[in-house]
Amino acid sequence: MKKINNALLIDDDALFNVLHTKLIEGSKVATNVNVVTKATEALGILKN
């Protein structure tokens, strides 16, 4: 499977964020995992 540099998770549920982060890190699909709880935070990351 191709590895990506960055994964951006957007969810307001802390449990899902932890679960999905662990799944992504464990599978080594992405080098970096960014987690935000609001769409406006995600837009800030994407703009930079």
Protein backbone atom coordinates (compact mmCIF):
# COMPACT_ATOMS: atom_id res chain seq x y z
CA MET A 1 0.00 0.00 0.00
CA LYS A 2 1.23 3.48 -0.85
CA LYS A 3 2.23 5.58 2.16
CA ILE A 4 1.03 9.18 2.36
CA ASN A 5 2.75 12.05 4.16
CA ASN A 6 -0.20 13.56 6.03
CA ALA A 7 -3.62 12.39 7.19
CA LEU A 8 -6.14 14.92 8.49
CA LEU A 9 -8.92 13.62 10.72
CA ILE A 10 -11.89 15.90 11.38
CA ASP A 11 -14.31 14.66 14.03
CA ASP A 12 -15.78 16.08 17.22
CA ASP A 13 -15.84 12.67 18.90
CA ALA A 14 -12.67 12.15 20.95
CA LEU A 15 -13.06 8.37 21.07
CA PHE A 16 -13.21 8.07 17.29
CA ASN A 17 -10.21 10.37 16.96
CA VAL A 18 -8.13 8.16 19.25
CA LEU A 19 -9.30 4.97 17.52
CA HIS A 20 -8.70 6.22 14.00
CA THR A 21 -5.33 7.74 14.90
CA LYS A 22 -4.18 4.41 16.36
CA LEU A 23 -5.42 2.54 13.28
CA ILE A 24 -3.60 4.87 10.89
CA GLU A 25 -0.40 4.87 12.95
CA GLY A 26 -0.51 1.10 13.43
CA SER A 27 -0.99 0.43 9.73
CA LYS A 28 1.78 2.91 8.87
CA VAL A 29 -0.32 4.34 6.06
CA ALA A 30 0.60 7.94 6.89
CA THR A 31 3.74 9.57 8.22
CA ASN A 32 1.84 12.28 10.14
CA VAL A 33 -1.68 12.27 11.58
CA ASN A 34 -3.34 15.60 12.36
CA VAL A 35 -6.54 15.59 14.38
CA VAL A 36 -8.96 18.50 14.68
CA THR A 37 -12.47 18.77 16.05
CA LYS A 38 -13.78 21.60 13.89
CA ALA A 39 -13.92 22.23 10.17
CA THR A 40 -12.52 25.74 10.66
CA GLU A 41 -9.42 24.23 12.29
CA ALA A 42 -9.03 21.88 9.33
CA LEU A 43 -9.28 24.77 6.89
CA GLY A 44 -6.53 26.57 8.80
CA ILE A 45 -4.26 23.54 8.43
CA LEU A 46 -5.06 23.15 4.73
CA LYS A 47 -4.39 26.82 4.00
CA ASN A 48 -0.86 26.62 5.44
